[in-house]
Amino acid sequence: MSNQDRVWEGRVAFVTGAVTGIGLGVAQAFSDAGMRLALSYRNEEDRAHTESWFAERGREIPLFVKLDVTDRARFAEVAEQVMDHFGEVHVLVNNAGVSVFGPTDEASYDDFDWIMGVNFGGVVNGLVSFLPKIKASAGRRHVVNVASMAAFLPGPQAGIYTASKFAVRGLTESLRYNLAPHGIGCSLCCPALTRTNAWTSALKRPDSFGQSGFSPVEKSELEQFGTAFEEGMEPYEVGSKILRGMTEQRGLILTHPEHGPDFEEIHQTVMAALPDEEAPAGRLKIEQLRREAMRKAEEGISVRLQDLT
């Protein structure tokens, strides 16, 4: 870990979905930077393995809190618990999510409610519960919302998943302007293929969202799909890149280099879709005011509605 990242030493971070996959990679990278940790989990065996990782290295054992990120009342309790334990909280990483796929035109209400409830609703619950605590704390502070490369790249089997990640992207990019005047950094992280067990999400569907419009997926088919994840980036590398992005105060953290062709195609498609005509002076003025307001917001100046007209 670089000396630059040591600016986070002693800072308190709360990470959701933090005992497996990317969440665990974030927790380990944060620990290496000297941060104190509160980690949410669902599975006791995974929690025990994570606790052992810290104990074997002589690190401070994190505060482990059992949490379903869709449970707003429990999320509020956890925020109080973290404050009671540490006295302050400086970093929030909303990471927990489910990866479930199927044709969007066949999706049921339960499909939408479950996936959006976890992937977007879980982020909302984290923000509502923890932002007042972070604002009340002092020093270097940051919020990271972990989305996915699906926040930019839709797919035929990932309509709801993509919608949830697009929503996290839009929320985070706007939130960054709101948090800047408080001296709080805010980053959107969009990882791509990572060595995790995210593909098992479909096997963990809650009974309360059991009425799926998707055809049942054979476990063997899921396991075959899961082999792709074996080619993925190590979660610790993703966690380290998130830490570095926080240190550098980057609004967007992209962890995987292989998507250059996708972004080039997106850029070309968007530019080609713009009408080739002159815009009237009035509209040009409004858009210039918007751009100036966004630049001011990035500098920490509060933007009001009257600044946009």
C-alpha atoms as a PDB file:
ATOM      1  CA  MET A   1       0.000   0.000   0.000  1.00  0.00           C
ATOM      2  CA  SER A   2       1.410   3.397  -0.977  1.00  0.00           C
ATOM      3  CA  ASN A   3       2.143   6.124   1.538  1.00  0.00           C
ATOM      4  CA  GLN A   4      -0.416   8.225  -0.345  1.00  0.00           C
ATOM      5  CA  ASP A   5      -3.190   5.828   0.678  1.00  0.00           C
ATOM      6  CA  ARG A   6      -2.166   6.166   4.337  1.00  0.00           C
ATOM      7  CA  VAL A   7      -4.326   9.290   4.508  1.00  0.00           C
ATOM      8  CA  TRP A   8      -7.075   6.857   5.478  1.00  0.00           C
ATOM      9  CA  GLU A   9      -5.242   5.438   8.496  1.00  0.00           C
ATOM     10  CA  GLY A  10      -7.539   5.359  11.513  1.00  0.00           C
ATOM     11  CA  ARG A  11     -10.611   6.257   9.439  1.00  0.00           C
ATOM     12  CA  VAL A  12     -13.750   4.186  10.140  1.00  0.00           C
ATOM     13  CA  ALA A  13     -15.410   2.492   7.155  1.00  0.00           C
ATOM     14  CA  PHE A  14     -18.674   0.606   6.844  1.00  0.00           C
ATOM     15  CA  VAL A  15     -18.838  -1.861   3.938  1.00  0.00           C
ATOM     16  CA  THR A  16     -21.907  -3.855   2.932  1.00  0.00           C
ATOM     17  CA  GLY A  17     -21.674  -7.407   1.599  1.00  0.00           C
ATOM     18  CA  ALA A  18     -18.154  -7.452   2.997  1.00  0.00           C
ATOM     19  CA  VAL A  19     -17.299 -11.061   3.837  1.00  0.00           C
ATOM     20  CA  THR A  20     -17.077 -12.421   0.276  1.00  0.00           C
ATOM     21  CA  GLY A  21     -16.157 -11.182  -3.184  1.00  0.00           C
ATOM     22  CA  ILE A  22     -15.531  -7.526  -3.908  1.00  0.00           C
ATOM     23  CA  GLY A  23     -16.722  -6.464  -0.458  1.00  0.00           C
ATOM     24  CA  LEU A  24     -14.083  -8.643   1.169  1.00  0.00           C
ATOM     25  CA  GLY A  25     -11.441  -7.340  -1.231  1.00  0.00           C
ATOM     26  CA  VAL A  26     -12.380  -3.790  -0.221  1.00  0.00           C
ATOM     27  CA  ALA A  27     -12.234  -4.687   3.475  1.00  0.00           C
ATOM     28  CA  GLN A  28      -8.784  -6.249   3.100  1.00  0.00           C
ATOM     29  CA  ALA A  29      -7.410  -3.304   1.116  1.00  0.00           C
ATOM     30  CA  PHE A  30      -8.859  -0.861   3.650  1.00  0.00           C
ATOM     31  CA  SER A  31      -7.324  -2.839   6.497  1.00  0.00           C
ATOM     32  CA  ASP A  32      -3.933  -2.754   4.793  1.00  0.00           C
ATOM     33  CA  ALA A  33      -4.289   1.050   4.689  1.00  0.00           C
ATOM     34  CA  GLY A  34      -4.845   1.125   8.454  1.00  0.00           C
ATOM     35  CA  MET A  35      -8.584   1.707   8.449  1.00  0.00           C
ATOM     36  CA  ARG A  36     -10.978   0.494  11.139  1.00  0.00           C
ATOM     37  CA  LEU A  37     -13.888  -1.522   9.817  1.00  0.00           C
ATOM     38  CA  ALA A  38     -17.525  -2.382  10.297  1.00  0.00           C
ATOM     39  CA  LEU A  39     -18.623  -5.111   7.890  1.00  0.00           C
ATOM     40  CA  SER A  40     -22.072  -6.409   7.045  1.00  0.00           C
ATOM     41  CA  TYR A  41     -22.712 -10.066   6.311  1.00  0.00           C
ATOM     42  CA  ARG A  42     -25.476 -12.633   5.808  1.00  0.00           C
ATOM     43  CA  ASN A  43     -23.707 -16.012   6.140  1.00  0.00           C
ATOM     44  CA  GLU A  44     -22.098 -17.052   9.441  1.00  0.00           C
ATOM     45  CA  GLU A  45     -19.497 -19.317   7.845  1.00  0.00           C
ATOM     46  CA  ASP A  46     -18.305 -16.528   5.548  1.00  0.00           C
ATOM     47  CA  ARG A  47     -18.146 -14.172   8.525  1.00  0.00           C
ATOM     48  CA  ALA A  48     -15.996 -16.648  10.441  1.00  0.00           C
ATOM     49  CA  HIS A  49     -13.554 -17.022   7.534  1.00  0.00           C
ATOM     50  CA  THR A  50     -13.254 -13.248   7.267  1.00  0.00           C
ATOM     51  CA  GLU A  51     -12.666 -12.861  10.990  1.00  0.00           C
ATOM     52  CA  SER A  52      -9.874 -15.438  10.746  1.00  0.00           C
ATOM     53  CA  TRP A  53      -8.160 -13.394   8.014  1.00  0.00           C
ATOM     54  CA  PHE A  54      -7.930 -10.417  10.367  1.00  0.00           C
ATOM     55  CA  ALA A  55      -6.955 -12.472  13.412  1.00  0.00           C
ATOM     56  CA  GLU A  56      -4.147 -14.284  11.578  1.00  0.00           C
ATOM     57  CA  ARG A  57      -2.579 -10.943  10.694  1.00  0.00           C
ATOM     58  CA  GLY A  58      -2.911  -9.454  14.145  1.00  0.00           C
ATOM     59  CA  ARG A  59      -5.359  -6.822  12.924  1.00  0.00           C
ATOM     60  CA  GLU A  60      -8.188  -5.226  14.845  1.00  0.00           C
ATOM     61  CA  ILE A  61     -11.228  -7.483  14.424  1.00  0.00           C
ATOM     62  CA  PRO A  62     -13.941  -5.613  12.505  1.00  0.00           C
ATOM     63  CA  LEU A  63     -17.346  -4.963  13.940  1.00  0.00           C
ATOM     64  CA  PHE A  64     -19.473  -7.576  12.146  1.00  0.00           C
ATOM     65  CA  VAL A  65     -23.169  -6.758  11.732  1.00  0.00           C
ATOM     66  CA  LYS A  66     -25.741  -9.061  10.231  1.00  0.00           C
ATOM     67  CA  LEU A  67     -27.752  -7.139   7.681  1.00  0.00           C
ATOM     68  CA  ASP A  68     -30.224  -7.572   4.863  1.00  0.00           C
ATOM     69  CA  VAL A  69     -29.670  -4.318   2.950  1.00  0.00           C
ATOM     70  CA  THR A  70     -33.367  -4.154   2.024  1.00  0.00           C
ATOM     71  CA  ASP A  71     -34.321  -3.936   5.726  1.00  0.00           C
ATOM     72  CA  ARG A  72     -34.519  -0.217   6.431  1.00  0.00           C
ATOM     73  CA  ALA A  73     -35.207  -0.550  10.142  1.00  0.00           C
ATOM     74  CA  ARG A  74     -32.226  -2.858  10.589  1.00  0.00           C
ATOM     75  CA  PHE A  75     -30.012  -0.555   8.494  1.00  0.00           C
ATOM     76  CA  ALA A  76     -30.858   2.329  10.839  1.00  0.00           C
ATOM     77  CA  GLU A  77     -29.992   0.142  13.844  1.00  0.00           C
ATOM     78  CA  VAL A  78     -26.673  -0.798  12.272  1.00  0.00           C
ATOM     79  CA  ALA A  79     -25.776   2.858  11.683  1.00  0.00           C
ATOM     80  CA  GLU A  80     -26.355   3.566  15.372  1.00  0.00           C
ATOM     81  CA  GLN A  81     -24.393   0.470  16.329  1.00  0.00           C
ATOM     82  CA  VAL A  82     -21.401   1.570  14.259  1.00  0.00           C
ATOM     83  CA  MET A  83     -21.490   5.035  15.833  1.00  0.00           C
ATOM     84  CA  ASP A  84     -21.797   3.602  19.337  1.00  0.00           C
ATOM     85  CA  HIS A  85     -18.813   1.318  18.706  1.00  0.00           C
ATOM     86  CA  PHE A  86     -16.420   3.751  16.989  1.00  0.00           C
ATOM     87  CA  GLY A  87     -17.771   7.200  17.832  1.00  0.00           C
ATOM     88  CA  GLU A  88     -17.439   8.313  14.200  1.00  0.00           C
ATOM     89  CA  VAL A  89     -17.847   6.907  10.704  1.00  0.00           C
ATOM     90  CA  HIS A  90     -15.987   8.365   7.737  1.00  0.00           C
ATOM     91  CA  VAL A  91     -16.425   6.014   4.785  1.00  0.00           C
ATOM     92  CA  LEU A  92     -19.442   4.184   3.386  1.00  0.00           C
ATOM     93  CA  VAL A  93     -19.091   1.537   0.689  1.00  0.00           C
ATOM     94  CA  ASN A  94     -22.421   0.315  -0.672  1.00  0.00           C
ATOM     95  CA  ASN A  95     -21.379  -2.952  -2.276  1.00  0.00           C
ATOM     96  CA  ALA A  96     -23.990  -5.642  -1.589  1.00  0.00           C
ATOM     97  CA  GLY A  97     -25.953  -6.797  -4.617  1.00  0.00           C
ATOM     98  CA  VAL A  98     -27.452  -9.695  -6.529  1.00  0.00           C
ATOM     99  CA  SER A  99     -26.651 -10.799 -10.067  1.00  0.00           C
ATOM    100  CA  VAL A 100     -29.753 -12.369 -11.590  1.00  0.00           C
ATOM    101  CA  PHE A 101     -30.414 -12.709 -15.297  1.00  0.00           C
ATOM    102  CA  GLY A 102     -33.315 -13.506 -17.588  1.00  0.00           C
ATOM    103  CA  PRO A 103     -35.257 -12.010 -20.527  1.00  0.00           C
ATOM    104  CA  THR A 104     -36.684  -8.670 -19.384  1.00  0.00           C
ATOM    105  CA  ASP A 105     -39.868  -9.140 -21.419  1.00  0.00           C
ATOM    106  CA  GLU A 106     -40.704 -12.192 -19.272  1.00  0.00           C
ATOM    107  CA  ALA A 107     -39.945 -10.598 -15.888  1.00  0.00           C
ATOM    108  CA  SER A 108     -42.539 -10.508 -13.121  1.00  0.00           C
ATOM    109  CA  TYR A 109     -43.130  -7.859 -10.475  1.00  0.00           C
ATOM    110  CA  ASP A 110     -41.205 -10.052  -8.034  1.00  0.00           C
ATOM    111  CA  ASP A 111     -38.216 -10.102 -10.372  1.00  0.00           C
ATOM    112  CA  PHE A 112     -38.202  -6.313 -10.561  1.00  0.00           C
ATOM    113  CA  ASP A 113     -38.886  -5.785  -6.861  1.00  0.00           C
ATOM    114  CA  TRP A 114     -36.180  -8.171  -5.665  1.00  0.00           C
ATOM    115  CA  ILE A 115     -33.340  -7.090  -7.954  1.00  0.00           C
ATOM    116  CA  MET A 116     -34.091  -3.365  -7.800  1.00  0.00           C
ATOM    117  CA  GLY A 117     -34.762  -3.595  -4.058  1.00  0.00           C
ATOM    118  CA  VAL A 118     -31.311  -5.009  -3.345  1.00  0.00           C
ATOM    119  CA  ASN A 119     -29.149  -3.355  -5.989  1.00  0.00           C
ATOM    120  CA  PHE A 120     -30.673   0.120  -5.910  1.00  0.00           C
ATOM    121  CA  GLY A 121     -32.771   0.107  -2.748  1.00  0.00           C
ATOM    122  CA  GLY A 122     -29.843  -1.210  -0.716  1.00  0.00           C
ATOM    123  CA  VAL A 123     -27.741   1.760  -1.820  1.00  0.00           C
ATOM    124  CA  VAL A 124     -30.546   4.166  -0.935  1.00  0.00           C
ATOM    125  CA  ASN A 125     -30.889   2.592   2.507  1.00  0.00           C
ATOM    126  CA  GLY A 126     -27.168   2.888   3.101  1.00  0.00           C
ATOM    127  CA  LEU A 127     -27.162   6.559   2.151  1.00  0.00           C
ATOM    128  CA  VAL A 128     -30.205   7.511   4.208  1.00  0.00           C
ATOM    129  CA  SER A 129     -28.904   5.640   7.255  1.00  0.00           C
ATOM    130  CA  PHE A 130     -25.253   6.694   7.142  1.00  0.00           C
ATOM    131  CA  LEU A 131     -24.970  10.100   5.479  1.00  0.00           C
ATOM    132  CA  PRO A 132     -26.092  12.019   8.599  1.00  0.00           C
ATOM    133  CA  LYS A 133     -23.431  10.149  10.595  1.00  0.00           C
ATOM    134  CA  ILE A 134     -20.735  10.842   7.998  1.00  0.00           C
ATOM    135  CA  LYS A 135     -21.670  14.521   7.805  1.00  0.00           C
ATOM    136  CA  ALA A 136     -21.415  14.749  11.595  1.00  0.00           C
ATOM    137  CA  SER A 137     -17.930  13.224  11.590  1.00  0.00           C
ATOM    138  CA  ALA A 138     -14.714  15.099  10.916  1.00  0.00           C
ATOM    139  CA  GLY A 139     -11.727  14.817   8.592  1.00  0.00           C
ATOM    140  CA  ARG A 140     -11.343  12.868   5.363  1.00  0.00           C
ATOM    141  CA  ARG A 141     -14.643  11.233   4.374  1.00  0.00           C
ATOM    142  CA  HIS A 142     -15.939   9.397   1.321  1.00  0.00           C
ATOM    143  CA  VAL A 143     -18.891   7.475  -0.124  1.00  0.00           C
ATOM    144  CA  VAL A 144     -18.396   4.727  -2.714  1.00  0.00           C
ATOM    145  CA  ASN A 145     -21.326   3.141  -4.500  1.00  0.00           C
ATOM    146  CA  VAL A 146     -20.291  -0.051  -6.262  1.00  0.00           C
ATOM    147  CA  ALA A 147     -22.295  -0.550  -9.443  1.00  0.00           C
ATOM    148  CA  SER A 148     -20.999  -2.596 -12.363  1.00  0.00           C
ATOM    149  CA  MET A 149     -19.838  -2.189 -15.943  1.00  0.00           C
ATOM    150  CA  ALA A 150     -23.519  -2.940 -16.586  1.00  0.00           C
ATOM    151  CA  ALA A 151     -24.072   0.696 -15.603  1.00  0.00           C
ATOM    152  CA  PHE A 152     -22.744   1.454 -19.102  1.00  0.00           C
ATOM    153  CA  LEU A 153     -23.219  -1.803 -21.032  1.00  0.00           C
ATOM    154  CA  PRO A 154     -26.722  -3.322 -21.274  1.00  0.00           C
ATOM    155  CA  GLY A 155     -27.332  -6.921 -22.289  1.00  0.00           C
ATOM    156  CA  PRO A 156     -30.283  -9.052 -23.463  1.00  0.00           C
ATOM    157  CA  GLN A 157     -30.276 -11.241 -20.333  1.00  0.00           C
ATOM    158  CA  ALA A 158     -29.600  -8.455 -17.827  1.00  0.00           C
ATOM    159  CA  GLY A 159     -32.378  -5.888 -18.212  1.00  0.00           C
ATOM    160  CA  ILE A 160     -33.331  -5.494 -14.549  1.00  0.00           C
ATOM    161  CA  TYR A 161     -29.747  -5.887 -13.334  1.00  0.00           C
ATOM    162  CA  THR A 162     -28.686  -3.231 -15.857  1.00  0.00           C
ATOM    163  CA  ALA A 163     -31.528  -0.925 -14.808  1.00  0.00           C
ATOM    164  CA  SER A 164     -30.439  -1.208 -11.179  1.00  0.00           C
ATOM    165  CA  LYS A 165     -26.840  -0.361 -12.028  1.00  0.00           C
ATOM    166  CA  PHE A 166     -27.819   2.534 -14.319  1.00  0.00           C
ATOM    167  CA  ALA A 167     -29.869   3.842 -11.377  1.00  0.00           C
ATOM    168  CA  VAL A 168     -26.894   3.598  -9.014  1.00  0.00           C
ATOM    169  CA  ARG A 169     -24.757   5.403 -11.580  1.00  0.00           C
ATOM    170  CA  GLY A 170     -27.219   8.281 -11.965  1.00  0.00           C
ATOM    171  CA  LEU A 171     -27.731   8.602  -8.227  1.00  0.00           C
ATOM    172  CA  THR A 172     -24.004   8.612  -7.480  1.00  0.00           C
ATOM    173  CA  GLU A 173     -23.026  11.062 -10.191  1.00  0.00           C
ATOM    174  CA  SER A 174     -25.636  13.510  -8.866  1.00  0.00           C
ATOM    175  CA  LEU A 175     -24.842  12.856  -5.196  1.00  0.00           C
ATOM    176  CA  ARG A 176     -21.214  13.799  -5.776  1.00  0.00           C
ATOM    177  CA  TYR A 177     -22.280  17.405  -6.364  1.00  0.00           C
ATOM    178  CA  ASN A 178     -24.344  17.427  -3.165  1.00  0.00           C
ATOM    179  CA  LEU A 179     -21.592  16.037  -0.960  1.00  0.00           C
ATOM    180  CA  ALA A 180     -18.784  18.273  -2.237  1.00  0.00           C
ATOM    181  CA  PRO A 181     -19.866  21.322  -0.168  1.00  0.00           C
ATOM    182  CA  HIS A 182     -19.649  19.105   2.939  1.00  0.00           C
ATOM    183  CA  GLY A 183     -16.078  18.103   2.103  1.00  0.00           C
ATOM    184  CA  ILE A 184     -17.171  14.517   1.455  1.00  0.00           C
ATOM    185  CA  GLY A 185     -15.841  12.666  -1.593  1.00  0.00           C
ATOM    186  CA  CYS A 186     -18.134  10.477  -3.651  1.00  0.00           C
ATOM    187  CA  SER A 187     -17.232   7.799  -6.190  1.00  0.00           C
ATOM    188  CA  LEU A 188     -19.045   5.486  -8.546  1.00  0.00           C
ATOM    189  CA  CYS A 189     -17.141   2.225  -9.001  1.00  0.00           C
ATOM    190  CA  CYS A 190     -17.976   0.028 -11.990  1.00  0.00           C
ATOM    191  CA  PRO A 191     -16.098  -3.275 -11.824  1.00  0.00           C
ATOM    192  CA  ALA A 192     -16.315  -5.854 -14.583  1.00  0.00           C
ATOM    193  CA  LEU A 193     -15.567  -9.587 -14.434  1.00  0.00           C
ATOM    194  CA  THR A 194     -14.252 -10.395 -10.960  1.00  0.00           C
ATOM    195  CA  ARG A 195     -13.404 -13.720  -9.339  1.00  0.00           C
ATOM    196  CA  THR A 196     -16.474 -14.005  -7.102  1.00  0.00           C
ATOM    197  CA  ASN A 197     -19.448 -16.292  -6.558  1.00  0.00           C
ATOM    198  CA  ALA A 198     -21.911 -13.618  -7.732  1.00  0.00           C
ATOM    199  CA  TRP A 199     -23.374 -16.137 -10.181  1.00  0.00           C
ATOM    200  CA  THR A 200     -24.954 -18.044  -7.252  1.00  0.00           C
ATOM    201  CA  SER A 201     -27.417 -15.196  -6.549  1.00  0.00           C
ATOM    202  CA  ALA A 202     -30.214 -16.980  -8.407  1.00  0.00           C
ATOM    203  CA  LEU A 203     -29.924 -19.868  -5.924  1.00  0.00           C
ATOM    204  CA  LYS A 204     -30.519 -17.539  -2.970  1.00  0.00           C
ATOM    205  CA  ARG A 205     -33.789 -15.956  -4.031  1.00  0.00           C
ATOM    206  CA  PRO A 206     -36.008 -15.098  -1.023  1.00  0.00           C
ATOM    207  CA  ASP A 207     -39.346 -16.907  -0.803  1.00  0.00           C
ATOM    208  CA  SER A 208     -41.083 -13.526  -0.520  1.00  0.00           C
ATOM    209  CA  PHE A 209     -40.074 -12.828  -4.149  1.00  0.00           C
ATOM    210  CA  GLY A 210     -40.706 -16.334  -5.390  1.00  0.00           C
ATOM    211  CA  GLN A 211     -43.060 -15.576  -8.296  1.00  0.00           C
ATOM    212  CA  SER A 212     -40.487 -15.233 -11.063  1.00  0.00           C
ATOM    213  CA  GLY A 213     -41.310 -14.783 -14.724  1.00  0.00           C
ATOM    214  CA  PHE A 214     -37.974 -16.308 -15.691  1.00  0.00           C
ATOM    215  CA  SER A 215     -37.748 -19.977 -16.545  1.00  0.00           C
ATOM    216  CA  PRO A 216     -36.025 -22.005 -13.814  1.00  0.00           C
ATOM    217  CA  VAL A 217     -32.282 -22.231 -14.379  1.00  0.00           C
ATOM    218  CA  GLU A 218     -30.621 -25.587 -13.959  1.00  0.00           C
ATOM    219  CA  LYS A 219     -27.844 -25.581 -11.369  1.00  0.00           C
ATOM    220  CA  SER A 220     -25.487 -27.155 -13.909  1.00  0.00           C
ATOM    221  CA  GLU A 221     -26.182 -24.294 -16.322  1.00  0.00           C
ATOM    222  CA  LEU A 222     -25.416 -21.759 -13.607  1.00  0.00           C
ATOM    223  CA  GLU A 223     -22.231 -23.587 -12.711  1.00  0.00           C
ATOM    224  CA  GLN A 224     -21.135 -23.453 -16.340  1.00  0.00           C
ATOM    225  CA  PHE A 225     -21.858 -19.726 -16.377  1.00  0.00           C
ATOM    226  CA  GLY A 226     -19.842 -19.466 -13.163  1.00  0.00           C
ATOM    227  CA  THR A 227     -16.714 -20.737 -14.886  1.00  0.00           C
ATOM    228  CA  ALA A 228     -16.428 -17.335 -16.592  1.00  0.00           C
ATOM    229  CA  PHE A 229     -15.847 -15.759 -13.189  1.00  0.00           C
ATOM    230  CA  GLU A 230     -12.719 -17.859 -12.754  1.00  0.00           C
ATOM    231  CA  GLU A 231     -11.110 -15.588 -15.355  1.00  0.00           C
ATOM    232  CA  GLY A 232     -12.022 -12.517 -13.337  1.00  0.00           C
ATOM    233  CA  MET A 233      -9.876  -9.976 -11.538  1.00  0.00           C
ATOM    234  CA  GLU A 234      -8.984 -10.786  -7.936  1.00  0.00           C
ATOM    235  CA  PRO A 235     -11.310  -8.950  -5.505  1.00  0.00           C
ATOM    236  CA  TYR A 236      -8.345  -7.536  -3.592  1.00  0.00           C
ATOM    237  CA  GLU A 237      -7.154  -5.788  -6.756  1.00  0.00           C
ATOM    238  CA  VAL A 238     -10.611  -4.256  -7.183  1.00  0.00           C
ATOM    239  CA  GLY A 239     -10.527  -3.171  -3.536  1.00  0.00           C
ATOM    240  CA  SER A 240      -7.086  -1.613  -3.954  1.00  0.00           C
ATOM    241  CA  LYS A 241      -8.242   0.329  -7.008  1.00  0.00           C
ATOM    242  CA  ILE A 242     -11.258   1.592  -5.086  1.00  0.00           C
ATOM    243  CA  LEU A 243      -8.965   2.760  -2.297  1.00  0.00           C
ATOM    244  CA  ARG A 244      -6.694   4.529  -4.779  1.00  0.00           C
ATOM    245  CA  GLY A 245      -9.688   6.178  -6.455  1.00  0.00           C
ATOM    246  CA  MET A 246     -10.856   7.473  -3.076  1.00  0.00           C
ATOM    247  CA  THR A 247      -7.396   8.826  -2.324  1.00  0.00           C
ATOM    248  CA  GLU A 248      -7.300  10.613  -5.677  1.00  0.00           C
ATOM    249  CA  GLN A 249     -10.869  11.920  -5.183  1.00  0.00           C
ATOM    250  CA  ARG A 250     -12.056  10.414  -8.458  1.00  0.00           C
ATOM    251  CA  GLY A 251     -15.765  10.542  -9.166  1.00  0.00           C
ATOM    252  CA  LEU A 252     -15.562   7.489 -11.439  1.00  0.00           C
ATOM    253  CA  ILE A 253     -13.482   4.429 -10.622  1.00  0.00           C
ATOM    254  CA  LEU A 254     -13.091   1.948 -13.474  1.00  0.00           C
ATOM    255  CA  THR A 255     -11.134  -1.130 -12.450  1.00  0.00           C
ATOM    256  CA  HIS A 256     -10.903  -3.168 -15.653  1.00  0.00           C
ATOM    257  CA  PRO A 257      -8.959  -1.952 -18.711  1.00  0.00           C
ATOM    258  CA  GLU A 258     -10.565  -4.216 -21.314  1.00  0.00           C
ATOM    259  CA  HIS A 259     -13.634  -2.077 -22.067  1.00  0.00           C
ATOM    260  CA  GLY A 260     -12.014   0.610 -24.207  1.00  0.00           C
ATOM    261  CA  PRO A 261     -13.702  -0.639 -27.406  1.00  0.00           C
ATOM    262  CA  ASP A 262     -17.109  -0.523 -25.689  1.00  0.00           C
ATOM    263  CA  PHE A 263     -16.677   3.081 -24.592  1.00  0.00           C
ATOM    264  CA  GLU A 264     -15.437   4.087 -28.038  1.00  0.00           C
ATOM    265  CA  GLU A 265     -18.549   2.540 -29.572  1.00  0.00           C
ATOM    266  CA  ILE A 266     -20.809   4.259 -27.019  1.00  0.00           C
ATOM    267  CA  HIS A 267     -19.164   7.610 -27.761  1.00  0.00           C
ATOM    268  CA  GLN A 268     -19.508   7.178 -31.513  1.00  0.00           C
ATOM    269  CA  THR A 269     -23.151   6.087 -31.236  1.00  0.00           C
ATOM    270  CA  VAL A 270     -24.104   9.002 -28.994  1.00  0.00           C
ATOM    271  CA  MET A 271     -22.341  11.596 -31.132  1.00  0.00           C
ATOM    272  CA  ALA A 272     -23.907  10.175 -34.299  1.00  0.00           C
ATOM    273  CA  ALA A 273     -27.367  10.422 -32.697  1.00  0.00           C
ATOM    274  CA  LEU A 274     -27.053  14.177 -32.079  1.00  0.00           C
ATOM    275  CA  PRO A 275     -29.059  16.183 -34.666  1.00  0.00           C
ATOM    276  CA  ASP A 276     -26.812  18.050 -37.095  1.00  0.00           C
ATOM    277  CA  GLU A 277     -28.446  21.464 -36.641  1.00  0.00           C
ATOM    278  CA  GLU A 278     -27.960  24.731 -34.782  1.00  0.00           C
ATOM    279  CA  ALA A 279     -29.508  25.091 -31.324  1.00  0.00           C
ATOM    280  CA  PRO A 280     -31.274  28.361 -30.458  1.00  0.00           C
ATOM    281  CA  ALA A 281     -29.422  30.897 -28.313  1.00  0.00           C
ATOM    282  CA  GLY A 282     -31.819  30.542 -25.371  1.00  0.00           C
ATOM    283  CA  ARG A 283     -31.257  26.806 -25.033  1.00  0.00           C
ATOM    284  CA  LEU A 284     -27.506  27.222 -25.459  1.00  0.00           C
ATOM    285  CA  LYS A 285     -27.481  29.735 -22.597  1.00  0.00           C
ATOM    286  CA  ILE A 286     -29.398  27.378 -20.274  1.00  0.00           C
ATOM    287  CA  GLU A 287     -27.003  24.520 -20.987  1.00  0.00           C
ATOM    288  CA  GLN A 288     -23.989  26.761 -20.423  1.00  0.00           C
ATOM    289  CA  LEU A 289     -25.438  27.790 -17.035  1.00  0.00           C
ATOM    290  CA  ARG A 290     -25.893  24.114 -16.179  1.00  0.00           C
ATOM    291  CA  ARG A 291     -22.271  23.342 -17.048  1.00  0.00           C
ATOM    292  CA  GLU A 292     -21.010  26.263 -14.975  1.00  0.00           C
ATOM    293  CA  ALA A 293     -23.171  25.204 -12.025  1.00  0.00           C
ATOM    294  CA  MET A 294     -21.823  21.669 -12.163  1.00  0.00           C
ATOM    295  CA  ARG A 295     -18.247  22.929 -12.191  1.00  0.00           C
ATOM    296  CA  LYS A 296     -18.994  25.094  -9.149  1.00  0.00           C
ATOM    297  CA  ALA A 297     -20.615  22.140  -7.397  1.00  0.00           C
ATOM    298  CA  GLU A 298     -17.504  20.040  -7.967  1.00  0.00           C
ATOM    299  CA  GLU A 299     -15.510  22.807  -6.313  1.00  0.00           C
ATOM    300  CA  GLY A 300     -17.735  22.581  -3.232  1.00  0.00           C
ATOM    301  CA  ILE A 301     -20.111  25.470  -3.940  1.00  0.00           C
ATOM    302  CA  SER A 302     -23.781  24.715  -3.288  1.00  0.00           C
ATOM    303  CA  VAL A 303     -25.949  24.899  -6.397  1.00  0.00           C
ATOM    304  CA  ARG A 304     -29.482  26.302  -6.153  1.00  0.00           C
ATOM    305  CA  LEU A 305     -32.320  26.166  -8.654  1.00  0.00           C
ATOM    306  CA  GLN A 306     -31.890  29.858  -9.460  1.00  0.00           C
ATOM    307  CA  ASP A 307     -28.325  29.123 -10.576  1.00  0.00           C
ATOM    308  CA  LEU A 308     -29.718  27.124 -13.513  1.00  0.00           C
ATOM    309  CA  THR A 309     -31.732  29.910 -15.191  1.00  0.00           C
END
